[in-house]
Amino acid sequence: MSLVKKLFHHTTPEEDVRKWTRQLRSEQRKMDMQITKIQREEQKVKVSMKQAAKKNDTFAVKMLAKELLRSRKAVNRMHTAKAQMNSVGMQLQNQLATIKLSGGLAKSGVIMKDMNDLLKVKEVQETMREMSKEMTKTGIIEEMMNDTLDNALDEDISDGELEDEVSKVVAEVTQNTMQGAHVGTSRIPQQQQLQQPEEVAEEEDYDDLMDRFNALRS
C-alpha cells in the first residue's frame, strides 16, 4: 500500500471487529500468565507465613495473610474480567452478522456495560480505554468516563469482616495452630507447638521472608 493510501486508509467494520477480537484474546492470555505468577507467589508466601509462625512473628504473619487475601481478590477480579472479555467477544461476533445486513456496526448495550466494567480493572485498563475510544468512534458504544480502579482489598469490606478473613487465612495456612489471630489491636496468643508437615520446607531467614512479602505487594 502506498504512503498516500496508508494516510487515507480507513478500516472496515469487519477489520475493526477482527482487530478487537485479537486484542481481547491477547489480553486474556496475559491474564492467564499473571494468574499463574500470582498463584506461584502465593505458595512462596504461605511458606514464609509458616516460617514466621514458628518464630512467633505475629506482625509478619498478619501482614502476609492480608497480602494473600489481596492476591486472591486480584485473581478473582481477573477471572471475572476474562469472562467479561468473552462476553464482548461473543457480542462482536454477533456484530459481524449485523454488518452483513446493515453495512455497519450497531450500538450494543451489552458491550457498553462489559467495557465499562473492564475499565475498572487495573491489569487491562489501558488497553480497554483505547479499545473503548475506537468503539465510540464506530458508534458501537457511547463515550465512557470511568477511570476508577477496583483494586483495593478494603473498599468493599468492613474492618470486622477483614479481621475475620485474615484470621481464617492465618488458621488455614498455619493449620489451625494460631486460631486466636486477629488483624486488629488484639494479639496472637502464644502458639502451640507446630506439627512438622510431611514436606518440610528449608528454613528461610527474615530477609527472604520480607522479600516474598514485598514481591507479592508488587
Protein backbone atom coordinates (compact mmCIF):
# COMPACT_ATOMS: atom_id res chain seq x y z
CA MET A 1 0.00 0.00 0.00
CA SER A 2 1.41 3.41 -0.96
CA LEU A 3 2.06 6.16 1.58
CA VAL A 4 -0.92 8.17 0.32
CA LYS A 5 -3.24 5.17 0.66
CA LYS A 6 -1.92 4.46 4.14
CA LEU A 7 -2.60 8.04 5.22
CA PHE A 8 -6.19 7.97 3.97
CA HIS A 9 -6.97 4.30 4.57
CA HIS A 10 -9.91 3.65 6.88
CA THR A 11 -10.57 0.23 8.34
CA THR A 12 -13.83 -1.53 7.59
CA PRO A 13 -16.20 -2.61 10.39
CA GLU A 14 -15.15 -6.23 9.74
CA GLU A 15 -11.49 -5.29 10.20
CA ASP A 16 -12.30 -3.43 13.41
CA VAL A 17 -14.12 -6.44 14.85
CA ARG A 18 -11.28 -8.80 13.95
CA LYS A 19 -8.74 -6.43 15.48
CA TRP A 20 -10.67 -6.08 18.75
CA THR A 21 -11.19 -9.84 18.93
CA ARG A 22 -7.44 -10.43 18.60
CA GLN A 23 -6.73 -7.83 21.29
CA LEU A 24 -9.21 -9.43 23.67
CA ARG A 25 -7.65 -12.86 23.20
CA SER A 26 -4.18 -11.39 23.72
CA GLU A 27 -5.24 -9.74 26.98
CA GLN A 28 -6.82 -12.98 28.19
CA ARG A 29 -3.55 -14.84 27.58
CA LYS A 30 -1.67 -12.17 29.52
CA MET A 31 -4.12 -12.52 32.38
CA ASP A 32 -3.61 -16.28 32.45
CA MET A 33 0.12 -15.67 32.82
CA GLN A 34 -0.46 -13.15 35.62
CA ILE A 35 -2.77 -15.53 37.45
CA THR A 36 -0.17 -18.29 37.27
CA LYS A 37 2.54 -15.93 38.54
CA ILE A 38 0.38 -14.74 41.46
CA GLN A 39 -0.51 -18.28 42.44
CA ARG A 40 3.17 -19.28 42.44
CA GLU A 41 3.92 -16.32 44.72
CA GLU A 42 1.06 -17.36 46.99
CA GLN A 43 2.75 -20.70 47.60
CA LYS A 44 6.01 -18.95 48.49
CA VAL A 45 4.23 -16.57 50.85
CA LYS A 46 2.49 -19.48 52.58
CA VAL A 47 5.90 -20.99 53.28
CA SER A 48 7.04 -17.64 54.67
CA MET A 49 3.96 -17.45 56.88
CA LYS A 50 4.79 -20.85 58.35
CA GLN A 51 8.36 -19.73 58.97
CA ALA A 52 7.10 -16.57 60.69
CA ALA A 53 4.64 -18.62 62.76
CA LYS A 54 7.49 -20.82 64.02
CA LYS A 55 9.31 -17.66 65.12
CA ASN A 56 6.05 -16.29 66.60
CA ASP A 57 6.43 -13.17 64.43
CA THR A 58 2.82 -12.03 64.72
CA PHE A 59 3.27 -8.90 62.60
CA ALA A 60 4.68 -10.79 59.62
CA VAL A 61 2.01 -13.49 59.87
CA LYS A 62 -0.84 -10.97 59.84
CA MET A 63 0.62 -8.82 57.07
CA LEU A 64 1.36 -11.82 54.86
CA ALA A 65 -2.17 -13.15 55.49
CA LYS A 66 -3.59 -9.83 54.33
CA GLU A 67 -1.43 -9.97 51.19
CA LEU A 68 -2.75 -13.46 50.45
CA LEU A 69 -6.28 -12.06 50.64
CA ARG A 70 -5.27 -9.24 48.31
CA SER A 71 -3.73 -11.62 45.77
CA ARG A 72 -6.78 -13.90 45.85
CA LYS A 73 -9.03 -10.91 45.20
CA ALA A 74 -6.79 -9.97 42.27
CA VAL A 75 -7.11 -13.47 40.81
CA ASN A 76 -10.89 -13.42 41.22
CA ARG A 77 -11.01 -10.00 39.57
CA MET A 78 -9.02 -11.26 36.60
CA HIS A 79 -11.22 -14.34 36.20
CA THR A 80 -14.26 -12.03 36.15
CA ALA A 81 -12.54 -9.78 33.60
CA LYS A 82 -11.79 -12.77 31.37
CA ALA A 83 -15.47 -13.73 31.46
CA GLN A 84 -16.44 -10.17 30.53
CA MET A 85 -13.96 -10.24 27.65
CA ASN A 86 -15.57 -13.47 26.44
CA SER A 87 -18.92 -11.69 26.54
CA VAL A 88 -17.55 -8.77 24.50
CA GLY A 89 -16.01 -11.22 22.02
CA MET A 90 -19.32 -13.03 21.54
CA GLN A 91 -21.15 -9.74 21.03
CA LEU A 92 -18.55 -8.70 18.45
CA GLN A 93 -19.17 -11.90 16.55
CA ASN A 94 -22.88 -11.09 16.59
CA GLN A 95 -21.98 -7.69 15.16
CA LEU A 96 -20.43 -9.38 12.12
CA ALA A 97 -23.86 -10.70 11.22
CA THR A 98 -25.32 -7.22 11.71
CA ILE A 99 -22.69 -5.75 9.40
CA LYS A 100 -23.79 -8.03 6.56
CA LEU A 101 -27.37 -6.80 6.92
CA SER A 102 -26.86 -3.09 7.61
CA GLY A 103 -23.32 -2.45 6.41
CA GLY A 104 -22.18 -1.07 9.76
CA LEU A 105 -21.84 -1.73 13.49
CA ALA A 106 -24.91 -1.38 15.69
CA LYS A 107 -24.93 0.11 19.18
CA SER A 108 -24.66 -2.57 21.87
CA GLY A 109 -25.71 -2.09 25.49
CA VAL A 110 -24.05 -5.39 26.47
CA ILE A 111 -20.67 -4.34 25.10
CA MET A 112 -21.12 -0.93 26.74
CA LYS A 113 -21.67 -2.49 30.16
CA ASP A 114 -18.83 -5.01 29.87
CA MET A 115 -16.36 -2.42 28.62
CA ASN A 116 -17.37 -0.06 31.42
CA ASP A 117 -16.62 -2.80 33.97
CA LEU A 118 -13.32 -3.67 32.27
CA LEU A 119 -12.20 -0.05 32.55
CA LYS A 120 -12.10 -0.59 36.33
CA VAL A 121 -9.63 -3.47 36.11
CA LYS A 122 -6.06 -2.26 36.57
CA GLU A 123 -4.47 -5.11 34.63
CA VAL A 124 -6.28 -4.24 31.36
CA GLN A 125 -7.39 -0.67 31.89
CA GLU A 126 -5.10 0.98 29.32
CA THR A 127 -5.95 -1.48 26.54
CA MET A 128 -9.67 -1.28 27.30
CA ARG A 129 -9.56 2.53 27.34
CA GLU A 130 -8.07 2.63 23.84
CA MET A 131 -10.48 -0.01 22.59
CA SER A 132 -13.41 1.94 24.06
CA LYS A 133 -12.30 5.07 22.20
CA GLU A 134 -12.22 3.12 18.93
CA MET A 135 -15.62 1.56 19.61
CA THR A 136 -17.04 5.01 20.37
CA LYS A 137 -15.84 6.32 17.02
CA THR A 138 -17.57 3.47 15.20
CA GLY A 139 -20.81 4.07 17.12
CA ILE A 140 -20.95 0.65 18.77
CA ILE A 141 -20.84 2.22 22.27
CA GLU A 142 -21.19 5.68 23.77
CA GLU A 143 -18.29 7.60 25.29
CA MET A 144 -17.35 6.36 28.75
CA MET A 145 -15.56 8.23 31.53
CA ASN A 146 -14.79 5.55 34.09
CA ASP A 147 -11.24 5.59 35.45
CA THR A 148 -12.00 4.17 38.88
CA LEU A 149 -9.75 1.23 39.75
CA ASP A 150 -11.37 -1.71 41.52
CA ASN A 151 -8.12 -2.78 43.12
CA ALA A 152 -8.28 -2.24 46.86
CA LEU A 153 -8.83 -5.02 49.38
CA ASP A 154 -10.62 -2.82 51.90
CA GLU A 155 -13.06 -0.97 49.59
CA ASP A 156 -15.99 -3.32 50.00
CA ILE A 157 -15.22 -4.96 53.33
CA SER A 158 -15.64 -3.67 56.88
CA ASP A 159 -12.87 -3.74 59.48
CA GLY A 160 -14.59 -6.58 61.33
CA GLU A 161 -15.03 -8.62 58.15
CA LEU A 162 -11.41 -8.01 57.17
CA GLU A 163 -10.26 -9.14 60.62
CA ASP A 164 -12.31 -12.32 60.30
CA GLU A 165 -10.98 -13.04 56.80
CA VAL A 166 -7.37 -12.55 57.89
CA SER A 167 -7.98 -14.84 60.87
CA LYS A 168 -9.33 -17.54 58.53
CA VAL A 169 -6.24 -17.29 56.31
CA VAL A 170 -3.92 -17.49 59.33
CA ALA A 171 -5.76 -20.58 60.59
CA GLU A 172 -5.71 -22.14 57.11
CA VAL A 173 -2.00 -21.64 56.45
CA THR A 174 -0.76 -22.41 59.95
CA GLN A 175 -3.02 -25.48 60.21
CA ASN A 176 -5.24 -24.04 62.95
CA THR A 177 -2.38 -23.54 65.38
CA MET A 178 -2.95 -19.77 65.62
CA GLN A 179 -6.76 -19.63 65.82
CA GLY A 180 -6.79 -16.53 68.03
CA ALA A 181 -5.10 -14.36 65.43
CA HIS A 182 -6.75 -11.04 64.62
CA VAL A 183 -5.67 -8.18 62.43
CA GLY A 184 -6.86 -5.51 64.84
CA THR A 185 -5.38 -4.48 68.19
CA SER A 186 -5.60 -7.92 69.79
CA ARG A 187 -2.52 -10.08 69.88
CA ILE A 188 -1.98 -13.56 68.50
CA PRO A 189 -1.62 -15.78 71.58
CA GLN A 190 1.49 -17.85 72.17
CA GLN A 191 1.21 -20.56 69.53
CA GLN A 192 1.07 -24.26 70.20
CA GLN A 193 3.91 -26.46 69.04
CA LEU A 194 3.58 -26.64 65.27
CA GLN A 195 3.35 -30.13 63.85
CA GLN A 196 6.02 -30.89 61.30
CA PRO A 197 4.46 -31.14 57.80
CA GLU A 198 5.25 -34.14 55.63
CA GLU A 199 7.21 -31.93 53.28
CA VAL A 200 9.44 -29.71 55.41
CA ALA A 201 10.48 -26.50 53.65
CA GLU A 202 14.02 -25.33 54.05
CA GLU A 203 14.38 -22.71 56.80
CA GLU A 204 14.32 -19.18 55.38
CA ASP A 205 15.75 -16.13 57.12
CA TYR A 206 13.76 -12.95 57.72
CA ASP A 207 15.30 -11.09 54.78
CA ASP A 208 13.95 -13.73 52.41
CA LEU A 209 10.57 -13.72 54.13
CA MET A 210 10.20 -9.99 53.61
CA ASP A 211 11.38 -10.36 50.02
CA ARG A 212 8.43 -12.71 49.45
CA PHE A 213 6.14 -10.22 51.17
CA ASN A 214 7.34 -7.33 49.01
CA ALA A 215 7.19 -9.44 45.83
CA LEU A 216 3.51 -10.16 46.43
CA ARG A 217 2.79 -6.48 47.08
CA SER A 218 4.33 -5.54 43.72
